[in-house]
């Protein structure tokens, strides 16, 4: 990851954490997400005696569900919420969280089907998300009854708009990431 992308990643993480509301039922979401991003122990973020691995998982799933819902809304904050949702998908991949990554594949495709241009426009604001975003779109075609052969036609349909929104460099990175996915 280049220095520029690393700075963008940390700036996005700070923005992301600053805008996720805290929950009375679990740990402070801001601290929880930053600790998760940095690979730190999160057990001290829970009230004394309440930490369990299941509780940690539930906290992450609650944040994911909240962001997925907000990203699908058609309001003034939707663009920022799409970036946050894409960031959480990137984080799941970076942390090798297979359950969250699998959910993200299906949820991102549903969001993309609903608001494709808005999703691409939001992701274009955080270039470090582009490769993961494009690879995730490709992974959808290897789930369930989705025919992998349709992957090419899907990409050809979005490529012109993607090149405009992502620009030449990130457009090329997207293409490589998309076609790198084999199964």
C-alpha atoms as a PDB file:
ATOM      1  CA  UNK A   1       0.000   0.000   0.000  1.00  0.00           C
ATOM      2  CA  UNK A   2       1.444   3.377  -0.936  1.00  0.00           C
ATOM      3  CA  UNK A   3       1.917   6.157   1.592  1.00  0.00           C
ATOM      4  CA  UNK A   4      -0.940   8.107   0.031  1.00  0.00           C
ATOM      5  CA  UNK A   5      -3.293   5.138   0.296  1.00  0.00           C
ATOM      6  CA  UNK A   6      -2.162   4.447   3.850  1.00  0.00           C
ATOM      7  CA  UNK A   7      -2.960   8.043   4.828  1.00  0.00           C
ATOM      8  CA  UNK A   8      -6.342   7.772   3.127  1.00  0.00           C
ATOM      9  CA  UNK A   9      -7.016   4.496   4.954  1.00  0.00           C
ATOM     10  CA  UNK A  10      -6.269   5.988   8.368  1.00  0.00           C
ATOM     11  CA  UNK A  11      -8.197   9.175   7.594  1.00  0.00           C
ATOM     12  CA  UNK A  12     -11.151   7.059   6.485  1.00  0.00           C
ATOM     13  CA  UNK A  13     -10.854   4.977   9.637  1.00  0.00           C
ATOM     14  CA  UNK A  14     -10.907   8.091  11.784  1.00  0.00           C
ATOM     15  CA  UNK A  15     -13.911   9.503   9.920  1.00  0.00           C
ATOM     16  CA  UNK A  16     -15.608   6.131  10.035  1.00  0.00           C
ATOM     17  CA  UNK A  17     -15.096   5.684  13.757  1.00  0.00           C
ATOM     18  CA  UNK A  18     -16.119   9.246  14.543  1.00  0.00           C
ATOM     19  CA  UNK A  19     -19.490   8.845  12.851  1.00  0.00           C
ATOM     20  CA  UNK A  20     -20.603   5.461  14.161  1.00  0.00           C
ATOM     21  CA  UNK A  21     -22.820   5.960  17.171  1.00  0.00           C
ATOM     22  CA  UNK A  22     -22.077   4.240  20.449  1.00  0.00           C
ATOM     23  CA  UNK A  23     -24.352   1.503  21.712  1.00  0.00           C
ATOM     24  CA  UNK A  24     -25.540   1.108  25.278  1.00  0.00           C
ATOM     25  CA  UNK A  25     -25.593  -2.687  24.787  1.00  0.00           C
ATOM     26  CA  UNK A  26     -21.928  -3.147  23.948  1.00  0.00           C
ATOM     27  CA  UNK A  27     -18.565  -1.479  23.722  1.00  0.00           C
ATOM     28  CA  UNK A  28     -18.015   2.055  22.508  1.00  0.00           C
ATOM     29  CA  UNK A  29     -18.265   1.568  18.756  1.00  0.00           C
ATOM     30  CA  UNK A  30     -15.570   4.101  17.913  1.00  0.00           C
ATOM     31  CA  UNK A  31     -12.984   2.459  20.146  1.00  0.00           C
ATOM     32  CA  UNK A  32     -14.143  -1.003  19.112  1.00  0.00           C
ATOM     33  CA  UNK A  33     -13.699  -0.327  15.394  1.00  0.00           C
ATOM     34  CA  UNK A  34     -10.324   1.340  15.799  1.00  0.00           C
ATOM     35  CA  UNK A  35      -9.113  -1.548  17.965  1.00  0.00           C
ATOM     36  CA  UNK A  36     -10.397  -4.041  15.410  1.00  0.00           C
ATOM     37  CA  UNK A  37      -8.678  -2.161  12.592  1.00  0.00           C
ATOM     38  CA  UNK A  38      -5.395  -2.130  14.471  1.00  0.00           C
ATOM     39  CA  UNK A  39      -5.684  -5.751  15.607  1.00  0.00           C
ATOM     40  CA  UNK A  40      -5.781  -4.833  19.294  1.00  0.00           C
ATOM     41  CA  UNK A  41      -7.471  -6.759  22.086  1.00  0.00           C
ATOM     42  CA  UNK A  42     -11.049  -5.500  22.439  1.00  0.00           C
ATOM     43  CA  UNK A  43     -11.956  -7.290  25.685  1.00  0.00           C
ATOM     44  CA  UNK A  44     -11.186  -4.221  27.815  1.00  0.00           C
ATOM     45  CA  UNK A  45     -13.797  -2.212  25.874  1.00  0.00           C
ATOM     46  CA  UNK A  46     -16.652  -4.231  27.354  1.00  0.00           C
ATOM     47  CA  UNK A  47     -18.085  -3.617  30.812  1.00  0.00           C
ATOM     48  CA  UNK A  48     -16.230  -5.576  33.494  1.00  0.00           C
ATOM     49  CA  UNK A  49     -17.164  -9.224  33.364  1.00  0.00           C
ATOM     50  CA  UNK A  50     -19.313  -8.930  30.230  1.00  0.00           C
ATOM     51  CA  UNK A  51     -16.752  -9.730  27.526  1.00  0.00           C
ATOM     52  CA  UNK A  52     -17.250 -12.913  25.552  1.00  0.00           C
ATOM     53  CA  UNK A  53     -16.048 -13.774  22.048  1.00  0.00           C
ATOM     54  CA  UNK A  54     -19.723 -14.064  21.114  1.00  0.00           C
ATOM     55  CA  UNK A  55     -20.352 -10.558  22.455  1.00  0.00           C
ATOM     56  CA  UNK A  56     -17.442  -9.232  20.428  1.00  0.00           C
ATOM     57  CA  UNK A  57     -18.865 -10.901  17.320  1.00  0.00           C
ATOM     58  CA  UNK A  58     -22.339  -9.529  18.081  1.00  0.00           C
ATOM     59  CA  UNK A  59     -20.935  -5.994  18.424  1.00  0.00           C
ATOM     60  CA  UNK A  60     -19.248  -6.228  15.025  1.00  0.00           C
ATOM     61  CA  UNK A  61     -22.388  -7.679  13.434  1.00  0.00           C
ATOM     62  CA  UNK A  62     -24.522  -4.879  14.913  1.00  0.00           C
ATOM     63  CA  UNK A  63     -22.213  -2.269  13.398  1.00  0.00           C
ATOM     64  CA  UNK A  64     -22.263  -4.110  10.068  1.00  0.00           C
ATOM     65  CA  UNK A  65     -26.069  -4.343  10.016  1.00  0.00           C
ATOM     66  CA  UNK A  66     -26.429  -0.674  10.925  1.00  0.00           C
ATOM     67  CA  UNK A  67     -24.052   0.428   8.162  1.00  0.00           C
ATOM     68  CA  UNK A  68     -25.643  -1.880   5.587  1.00  0.00           C
ATOM     69  CA  UNK A  69     -29.045  -0.341   6.322  1.00  0.00           C
ATOM     70  CA  UNK A  70     -27.720   3.225   6.246  1.00  0.00           C
ATOM     71  CA  UNK A  71     -25.824   2.620   2.987  1.00  0.00           C
ATOM     72  CA  UNK A  72     -29.062   1.538   1.319  1.00  0.00           C
ATOM     73  CA  UNK A  73     -30.945   4.660   2.372  1.00  0.00           C
ATOM     74  CA  UNK A  74     -31.526   7.360  -0.185  1.00  0.00           C
ATOM     75  CA  UNK A  75     -30.699  10.380   1.949  1.00  0.00           C
ATOM     76  CA  UNK A  76     -28.106  13.107   2.216  1.00  0.00           C
ATOM     77  CA  UNK A  77     -25.743  10.928   4.296  1.00  0.00           C
ATOM     78  CA  UNK A  78     -26.037   7.835   2.080  1.00  0.00           C
ATOM     79  CA  UNK A  79     -22.819   8.560   0.180  1.00  0.00           C
ATOM     80  CA  UNK A  80     -20.764   8.694   3.389  1.00  0.00           C
ATOM     81  CA  UNK A  81     -22.500   5.579   4.670  1.00  0.00           C
ATOM     82  CA  UNK A  82     -21.662   3.709   1.464  1.00  0.00           C
ATOM     83  CA  UNK A  83     -17.981   4.563   2.006  1.00  0.00           C
ATOM     84  CA  UNK A  84     -18.225   3.376   5.624  1.00  0.00           C
ATOM     85  CA  UNK A  85     -19.919   0.153   4.537  1.00  0.00           C
ATOM     86  CA  UNK A  86     -17.241  -0.431   1.870  1.00  0.00           C
ATOM     87  CA  UNK A  87     -14.594   0.286   4.499  1.00  0.00           C
ATOM     88  CA  UNK A  88     -16.088  -2.347   6.794  1.00  0.00           C
ATOM     89  CA  UNK A  89     -15.985  -4.834   3.891  1.00  0.00           C
ATOM     90  CA  UNK A  90     -12.345  -3.937   3.316  1.00  0.00           C
ATOM     91  CA  UNK A  91     -11.661  -4.382   7.034  1.00  0.00           C
ATOM     92  CA  UNK A  92     -13.332  -7.820   7.028  1.00  0.00           C
ATOM     93  CA  UNK A  93     -11.096  -8.885   4.157  1.00  0.00           C
ATOM     94  CA  UNK A  94      -7.960  -7.418   5.751  1.00  0.00           C
ATOM     95  CA  UNK A  95      -8.710  -9.213   9.034  1.00  0.00           C
ATOM     96  CA  UNK A  96      -9.588 -12.495   7.251  1.00  0.00           C
ATOM     97  CA  UNK A  97     -13.098 -12.476   8.694  1.00  0.00           C
ATOM     98  CA  UNK A  98     -14.671 -15.020   6.368  1.00  0.00           C
ATOM     99  CA  UNK A  99     -18.201 -14.788   7.789  1.00  0.00           C
ATOM    100  CA  UNK A 100     -18.352 -11.013   7.458  1.00  0.00           C
ATOM    101  CA  UNK A 101     -16.659 -11.141   4.047  1.00  0.00           C
ATOM    102  CA  UNK A 102     -19.246 -13.624   2.770  1.00  0.00           C
ATOM    103  CA  UNK A 103     -22.119 -11.468   3.998  1.00  0.00           C
ATOM    104  CA  UNK A 104     -20.487  -8.430   2.448  1.00  0.00           C
ATOM    105  CA  UNK A 105     -20.314 -10.091  -0.991  1.00  0.00           C
ATOM    106  CA  UNK A 106     -24.070 -10.621  -1.099  1.00  0.00           C
ATOM    107  CA  UNK A 107     -24.991  -7.331   0.558  1.00  0.00           C
ATOM    108  CA  UNK A 108     -22.682  -5.275  -1.650  1.00  0.00           C
ATOM    109  CA  UNK A 109     -24.175  -6.826  -4.783  1.00  0.00           C
ATOM    110  CA  UNK A 110     -27.706  -6.061  -3.559  1.00  0.00           C
ATOM    111  CA  UNK A 111     -26.680  -2.474  -2.793  1.00  0.00           C
ATOM    112  CA  UNK A 112     -24.929  -2.200  -6.148  1.00  0.00           C
ATOM    113  CA  UNK A 113     -28.013  -3.488  -7.988  1.00  0.00           C
ATOM    114  CA  UNK A 114     -30.080  -0.823  -6.228  1.00  0.00           C
ATOM    115  CA  UNK A 115     -27.681   2.153  -6.449  1.00  0.00           C
ATOM    116  CA  UNK A 116     -24.731   1.220  -8.678  1.00  0.00           C
ATOM    117  CA  UNK A 117     -23.629   4.707  -9.733  1.00  0.00           C
ATOM    118  CA  UNK A 118     -23.885   6.028  -6.172  1.00  0.00           C
ATOM    119  CA  UNK A 119     -21.858   3.082  -4.873  1.00  0.00           C
ATOM    120  CA  UNK A 120     -19.107   3.525  -7.469  1.00  0.00           C
ATOM    121  CA  UNK A 121     -19.057   7.278  -6.858  1.00  0.00           C
ATOM    122  CA  UNK A 122     -18.714   6.786  -3.110  1.00  0.00           C
ATOM    123  CA  UNK A 123     -15.959   4.178  -3.430  1.00  0.00           C
ATOM    124  CA  UNK A 124     -14.087   6.471  -5.837  1.00  0.00           C
ATOM    125  CA  UNK A 125     -13.665   8.906  -2.915  1.00  0.00           C
ATOM    126  CA  UNK A 126     -11.466   6.375  -1.099  1.00  0.00           C
ATOM    127  CA  UNK A 127      -9.122   4.880  -3.729  1.00  0.00           C
ATOM    128  CA  UNK A 128      -7.646   2.282  -1.380  1.00  0.00           C
ATOM    129  CA  UNK A 129     -11.108   0.617  -1.333  1.00  0.00           C
ATOM    130  CA  UNK A 130     -11.276   0.192  -5.127  1.00  0.00           C
ATOM    131  CA  UNK A 131      -9.448  -3.166  -5.502  1.00  0.00           C
ATOM    132  CA  UNK A 132     -11.412  -4.819  -2.690  1.00  0.00           C
ATOM    133  CA  UNK A 133     -14.680  -3.366  -3.986  1.00  0.00           C
ATOM    134  CA  UNK A 134     -14.080  -4.715  -7.496  1.00  0.00           C
ATOM    135  CA  UNK A 135     -12.909  -8.127  -6.284  1.00  0.00           C
ATOM    136  CA  UNK A 136     -16.003  -8.364  -4.080  1.00  0.00           C
ATOM    137  CA  UNK A 137     -18.266  -7.661  -7.057  1.00  0.00           C
ATOM    138  CA  UNK A 138     -16.527 -10.508  -8.927  1.00  0.00           C
ATOM    139  CA  UNK A 139     -16.894 -12.933  -5.995  1.00  0.00           C
ATOM    140  CA  UNK A 140     -20.663 -12.605  -6.216  1.00  0.00           C
ATOM    141  CA  UNK A 141     -20.633 -14.687  -9.402  1.00  0.00           C
ATOM    142  CA  UNK A 142     -19.160 -17.659  -7.547  1.00  0.00           C
ATOM    143  CA  UNK A 143     -21.934 -17.792  -4.921  1.00  0.00           C
ATOM    144  CA  UNK A 144     -24.892 -20.148  -5.026  1.00  0.00           C
ATOM    145  CA  UNK A 145     -26.602 -20.384  -8.396  1.00  0.00           C
ATOM    146  CA  UNK A 146     -24.915 -17.292  -9.832  1.00  0.00           C
ATOM    147  CA  UNK A 147     -23.275 -18.269 -13.131  1.00  0.00           C
ATOM    148  CA  UNK A 148     -19.545 -17.376 -13.237  1.00  0.00           C
ATOM    149  CA  UNK A 149     -19.828 -16.927 -17.010  1.00  0.00           C
ATOM    150  CA  UNK A 150     -22.033 -13.853 -16.434  1.00  0.00           C
ATOM    151  CA  UNK A 151     -19.173 -12.086 -14.695  1.00  0.00           C
ATOM    152  CA  UNK A 152     -17.709 -10.842 -17.976  1.00  0.00           C
ATOM    153  CA  UNK A 153     -21.017  -9.382 -19.229  1.00  0.00           C
ATOM    154  CA  UNK A 154     -21.651  -7.712 -15.875  1.00  0.00           C
ATOM    155  CA  UNK A 155     -18.265  -6.001 -15.914  1.00  0.00           C
ATOM    156  CA  UNK A 156     -18.621  -4.893 -19.524  1.00  0.00           C
ATOM    157  CA  UNK A 157     -21.898  -3.228 -18.524  1.00  0.00           C
ATOM    158  CA  UNK A 158     -20.345  -1.210 -15.702  1.00  0.00           C
ATOM    159  CA  UNK A 159     -16.882  -0.576 -17.133  1.00  0.00           C
ATOM    160  CA  UNK A 160     -17.626   2.693 -18.990  1.00  0.00           C
ATOM    161  CA  UNK A 161     -19.117   4.374 -15.909  1.00  0.00           C
ATOM    162  CA  UNK A 162     -16.472   2.841 -13.658  1.00  0.00           C
ATOM    163  CA  UNK A 163     -13.681   4.294 -15.813  1.00  0.00           C
ATOM    164  CA  UNK A 164     -15.285   7.751 -15.596  1.00  0.00           C
ATOM    165  CA  UNK A 165     -15.779   7.613 -11.820  1.00  0.00           C
ATOM    166  CA  UNK A 166     -12.532   5.859 -10.874  1.00  0.00           C
ATOM    167  CA  UNK A 167     -10.258   7.482 -13.439  1.00  0.00           C
ATOM    168  CA  UNK A 168      -7.630   5.658 -15.511  1.00  0.00           C
ATOM    169  CA  UNK A 169      -5.357   4.420 -12.700  1.00  0.00           C
ATOM    170  CA  UNK A 170      -8.038   3.206 -10.297  1.00  0.00           C
ATOM    171  CA  UNK A 171     -10.091   1.940 -13.241  1.00  0.00           C
ATOM    172  CA  UNK A 172      -7.151  -0.255 -14.256  1.00  0.00           C
ATOM    173  CA  UNK A 173      -6.693  -1.403 -10.638  1.00  0.00           C
ATOM    174  CA  UNK A 174     -10.380  -2.300 -10.543  1.00  0.00           C
ATOM    175  CA  UNK A 175     -10.164  -4.327 -13.749  1.00  0.00           C
ATOM    176  CA  UNK A 176      -7.150  -6.284 -12.503  1.00  0.00           C
ATOM    177  CA  UNK A 177      -8.756  -6.981  -9.115  1.00  0.00           C
ATOM    178  CA  UNK A 178     -12.039  -8.007 -10.739  1.00  0.00           C
ATOM    179  CA  UNK A 179     -10.479 -10.508 -13.122  1.00  0.00           C
ATOM    180  CA  UNK A 180      -7.997 -11.796 -10.522  1.00  0.00           C
ATOM    181  CA  UNK A 181     -10.878 -13.519  -8.717  1.00  0.00           C
ATOM    182  CA  UNK A 182     -11.040 -17.122  -9.899  1.00  0.00           C
ATOM    183  CA  UNK A 183     -13.523 -18.637  -7.459  1.00  0.00           C
END
